[in-house]
C-alpha atoms as a PDB file:
ATOM      1  CA  MET A   1      21.999  -8.898   3.457  1.00  0.00           C
ATOM      2  CA  GLU A   2      19.729  -9.092   0.371  1.00  0.00           C
ATOM      3  CA  ALA A   3      16.680 -10.136   2.638  1.00  0.00           C
ATOM      4  CA  THR A   4      17.326  -7.132   4.915  1.00  0.00           C
ATOM      5  CA  ALA A   5      17.511  -4.722   1.883  1.00  0.00           C
ATOM      6  CA  THR A   6      14.252  -6.196   0.463  1.00  0.00           C
ATOM      7  CA  LYS A   7      12.574  -5.711   3.827  1.00  0.00           C
ATOM      8  CA  PHE A   8      13.771  -2.117   4.014  1.00  0.00           C
ATOM      9  CA  ILE A   9      12.406  -1.358   0.546  1.00  0.00           C
ATOM     10  CA  GLU A  10       9.154  -3.036   1.399  1.00  0.00           C
ATOM     11  CA  LYS A  11       8.912  -0.770   4.542  1.00  0.00           C
ATOM     12  CA  GLN A  12       9.650   2.212   2.281  1.00  0.00           C
ATOM     13  CA  CYS A  13       6.948   1.102  -0.113  1.00  0.00           C
ATOM     14  CA  GLN A  14       4.389   0.790   2.753  1.00  0.00           C
ATOM     15  CA  LYS A  15       5.384   4.278   3.919  1.00  0.00           C
ATOM     16  CA  HIS A  16       5.194   5.734   0.396  1.00  0.00           C
ATOM     17  CA  MET A  17       1.697   4.221  -0.143  1.00  0.00           C
ATOM     18  CA  ALA A  18       0.455   5.539   3.295  1.00  0.00           C
ATOM     19  CA  ASN A  19       1.849   8.956   2.385  1.00  0.00           C
ATOM     20  CA  GLN A  20      -0.433   8.766  -0.759  1.00  0.00           C
ATOM     21  CA  GLY A  21      -3.445   8.092   1.539  1.00  0.00           C
ATOM     22  CA  ILE A  22      -3.458   4.376   0.708  1.00  0.00           C
ATOM     23  CA  THR A  23      -4.129   2.803   4.161  1.00  0.00           C
ATOM     24  CA  SER A  24      -6.934   0.241   3.375  1.00  0.00           C
ATOM     25  CA  LYS A  25      -8.041  -2.142   0.660  1.00  0.00           C
ATOM     26  CA  GLU A  26     -10.822   0.234  -0.264  1.00  0.00           C
ATOM     27  CA  LYS A  27      -8.512   3.208  -0.513  1.00  0.00           C
ATOM     28  CA  LEU A  28      -6.180   1.128  -2.731  1.00  0.00           C
ATOM     29  CA  GLN A  29      -8.998   0.189  -5.044  1.00  0.00           C
ATOM     30  CA  HIS A  30     -10.051   3.700  -5.293  1.00  0.00           C
ATOM     31  CA  ARG A  31      -6.501   4.715  -6.216  1.00  0.00           C
ATOM     32  CA  LEU A  32      -6.259   1.967  -8.776  1.00  0.00           C
ATOM     33  CA  GLN A  33      -9.453   3.122 -10.370  1.00  0.00           C
ATOM     34  CA  GLU A  34      -8.196   6.753 -10.404  1.00  0.00           C
ATOM     35  CA  ILE A  35      -4.975   5.636 -12.266  1.00  0.00           C
ATOM     36  CA  PHE A  36      -7.027   4.073 -15.069  1.00  0.00           C
ATOM     37  CA  GLU A  37      -9.511   7.015 -15.176  1.00  0.00           C
ATOM     38  CA  GLN A  38      -6.516   9.500 -15.616  1.00  0.00           C
ATOM     39  CA  ALA A  39      -4.393   7.417 -18.019  1.00  0.00           C
ATOM     40  CA  GLU A  40      -4.279   8.270 -21.667  1.00  0.00           C
ATOM     41  CA  HIS A  41      -2.498   5.113 -22.655  1.00  0.00           C
ATOM     42  CA  GLN A  42      -1.998   1.623 -21.204  1.00  0.00           C
ATOM     43  CA  SER A  43       1.724   2.274 -20.606  1.00  0.00           C
ATOM     44  CA  SER A  44       1.013   5.362 -18.539  1.00  0.00           C
ATOM     45  CA  ALA A  45      -1.261   3.403 -16.350  1.00  0.00           C
ATOM     46  CA  LEU A  46       1.481   0.838 -15.889  1.00  0.00           C
ATOM     47  CA  ILE A  47       4.012   3.477 -14.904  1.00  0.00           C
ATOM     48  CA  ALA A  48       1.511   5.002 -12.542  1.00  0.00           C
ATOM     49  CA  LEU A  49       1.076   1.581 -10.829  1.00  0.00           C
ATOM     50  CA  TYR A  50       4.779   1.299 -10.371  1.00  0.00           C
ATOM     51  CA  LYS A  51       5.051   4.874  -9.072  1.00  0.00           C
ATOM     52  CA  MET A  52       2.249   4.186  -6.652  1.00  0.00           C
ATOM     53  CA  LEU A  53       4.086   1.206  -5.205  1.00  0.00           C
ATOM     54  CA  ILE A  54       7.809   2.223  -5.389  1.00  0.00           C
ATOM     55  CA  PRO A  55       9.248   5.411  -3.886  1.00  0.00           C
ATOM     56  CA  ASP A  56      11.743   7.522  -5.583  1.00  0.00           C
ATOM     57  CA  TRP A  57      10.637   6.292  -9.012  1.00  0.00           C
ATOM     58  CA  GLU A  58      12.693   9.011 -10.824  1.00  0.00           C
ATOM     59  CA  ARG A  59      15.869   7.767  -9.210  1.00  0.00           C
ATOM     60  CA  ILE A  60      15.500   4.098 -10.315  1.00  0.00           C
ATOM     61  CA  ASP A  61      17.744   2.857 -12.975  1.00  0.00           C
ATOM     62  CA  ARG A  62      15.916  -0.432 -13.510  1.00  0.00           C
ATOM     63  CA  LEU A  63      13.976  -3.183 -11.825  1.00  0.00           C
ATOM     64  CA  GLU A  64      14.994  -6.721 -11.864  1.00  0.00           C
ATOM     65  CA  GLY A  65      11.971  -8.978 -11.429  1.00  0.00           C
ATOM     66  CA  PHE A  66       8.536  -7.900 -10.575  1.00  0.00           C
ATOM     67  CA  PRO A  67       6.498  -6.942  -7.519  1.00  0.00           C
ATOM     68  CA  VAL A  68       4.312  -9.774  -6.355  1.00  0.00           C
ATOM     69  CA  VAL A  69       0.739  -9.294  -5.220  1.00  0.00           C
ATOM     70  CA  GLY A  70      -2.106 -11.511  -3.960  1.00  0.00           C
ATOM     71  CA  ARG A  71      -4.316 -13.129  -6.600  1.00  0.00           C
ATOM     72  CA  GLU A  72      -7.323 -10.881  -5.897  1.00  0.00           C
ATOM     73  CA  MET A  73      -5.381  -7.707  -6.244  1.00  0.00           C
ATOM     74  CA  TRP A  74      -3.774  -8.994  -9.510  1.00  0.00           C
ATOM     75  CA  GLN A  75      -7.130  -9.989 -11.011  1.00  0.00           C
ATOM     76  CA  TYR A  76      -8.682  -6.501  -9.970  1.00  0.00           C
ATOM     77  CA  ILE A  77      -5.886  -4.705 -11.863  1.00  0.00           C
ATOM     78  CA  ALA A  78      -6.178  -7.189 -14.786  1.00  0.00           C
ATOM     79  CA  ASN A  79      -9.896  -6.307 -15.039  1.00  0.00           C
ATOM     80  CA  LEU A  80      -9.092  -2.679 -14.942  1.00  0.00           C
ATOM     81  CA  TYR A  81      -6.671  -3.240 -17.898  1.00  0.00           C
ATOM     82  CA  ILE A  82      -9.145  -5.245 -19.855  1.00  0.00           C
ATOM     83  CA  ASP A  83     -11.928  -2.562 -19.421  1.00  0.00           C
ATOM     84  CA  PHE A  84      -9.302   0.197 -20.358  1.00  0.00           C
ATOM     85  CA  ASP A  85      -8.203  -1.660 -23.447  1.00  0.00           C
ATOM     86  CA  GLN A  86     -11.738  -2.355 -24.570  1.00  0.00           C
ATOM     87  CA  HIS A  87     -12.419   1.354 -24.440  1.00  0.00           C
ATOM     88  CA  HIS A  88      -9.001   2.800 -25.720  1.00  0.00           C
ATOM     89  CA  HIS A  89      -7.217   0.080 -27.521  1.00  0.00           C
ATOM     90  CA  GLN A  90      -9.679  -2.193 -29.408  1.00  0.00           C
ATOM     91  CA  GLN A  91      -7.059  -3.616 -31.696  1.00  0.00           C
ATOM     92  CA  VAL A  92      -4.775  -5.101 -28.834  1.00  0.00           C
ATOM     93  CA  PHE A  93      -5.024  -8.192 -26.728  1.00  0.00           C
ATOM     94  CA  LYS A  94      -7.103  -6.996 -23.791  1.00  0.00           C
ATOM     95  CA  GLY A  95      -4.983  -6.852 -20.691  1.00  0.00           C
ATOM     96  CA  GLY A  96      -1.841  -8.030 -22.590  1.00  0.00           C
ATOM     97  CA  LEU A  97       0.439  -5.269 -21.303  1.00  0.00           C
ATOM     98  CA  TRP A  98      -0.440  -6.207 -17.742  1.00  0.00           C
ATOM     99  CA  LEU A  99       0.245  -9.882 -18.462  1.00  0.00           C
ATOM    100  CA  ASN A 100       3.623  -9.083 -19.950  1.00  0.00           C
ATOM    101  CA  ASN A 101       4.852  -6.249 -17.801  1.00  0.00           C
ATOM    102  CA  GLY A 102       2.618  -6.006 -14.734  1.00  0.00           C
ATOM    103  CA  PHE A 103       3.070  -7.465 -11.249  1.00  0.00           C
ATOM    104  CA  SER A 104       3.335 -11.202 -10.668  1.00  0.00           C
ATOM    105  CA  SER A 105       0.772 -12.906  -8.388  1.00  0.00           C
ATOM    106  CA  SER A 106       1.044 -15.578  -5.753  1.00  0.00           C
ATOM    107  CA  ASP A 107      -1.360 -17.649  -3.696  1.00  0.00           C
ATOM    108  CA  LYS A 108       1.199 -17.600  -0.936  1.00  0.00           C
ATOM    109  CA  LEU A 109       0.177 -13.907  -0.310  1.00  0.00           C
ATOM    110  CA  GLY A 110      -2.953 -12.575   1.148  1.00  0.00           C
ATOM    111  CA  PRO A 111      -5.518 -11.353  -1.480  1.00  0.00           C
ATOM    112  CA  TRP A 112      -4.323  -7.749  -1.323  1.00  0.00           C
ATOM    113  CA  GLU A 113      -0.846  -8.270   0.097  1.00  0.00           C
ATOM    114  CA  ILE A 114       2.223  -6.903  -1.813  1.00  0.00           C
ATOM    115  CA  SER A 115       5.696  -8.341  -1.759  1.00  0.00           C
ATOM    116  CA  LEU A 116       9.000  -7.126  -3.200  1.00  0.00           C
ATOM    117  CA  ASP A 117      10.847 -10.331  -2.416  1.00  0.00           C
ATOM    118  CA  ARG A 118      11.302 -11.017  -6.161  1.00  0.00           C
ATOM    119  CA  CYS A 119      11.922  -7.492  -7.293  1.00  0.00           C
ATOM    120  CA  ASN A 120      15.305  -5.895  -7.078  1.00  0.00           C
ATOM    121  CA  VAL A 121      15.254  -2.145  -7.261  1.00  0.00           C
ATOM    122  CA  ILE A 122      18.549  -0.728  -8.913  1.00  0.00           C
ATOM    123  CA  TYR A 123      18.880   3.015  -8.170  1.00  0.00           C
ATOM    124  CA  SER A 124      20.915   5.268 -10.417  1.00  0.00           C
END
């Protein structure tokens, strides 16, 4: 049952991203860059990343675990965080919020693949 629910949520996430025009690696990279260009604080960038990935964000009570992405995608976002922190938050550990609260990564996924196998979405 849980594996079926996870696959359903992953399909919903794929549809959600496609509805945002994110249909290729290049479009995903462009959207990620936009998130950081529009963010006023590192936490608003983090929320925007989760909203980009997970539909019905406003209906979520909590997440248990984290989305998992391929190493290349994880590093790409980490570099965006490091650059953002260097410009906006010189006093903090660069990329620290991403390390503590961002997505997990796995070599078992493709470089830009996303999985919700280790992320349980609890709706309110």
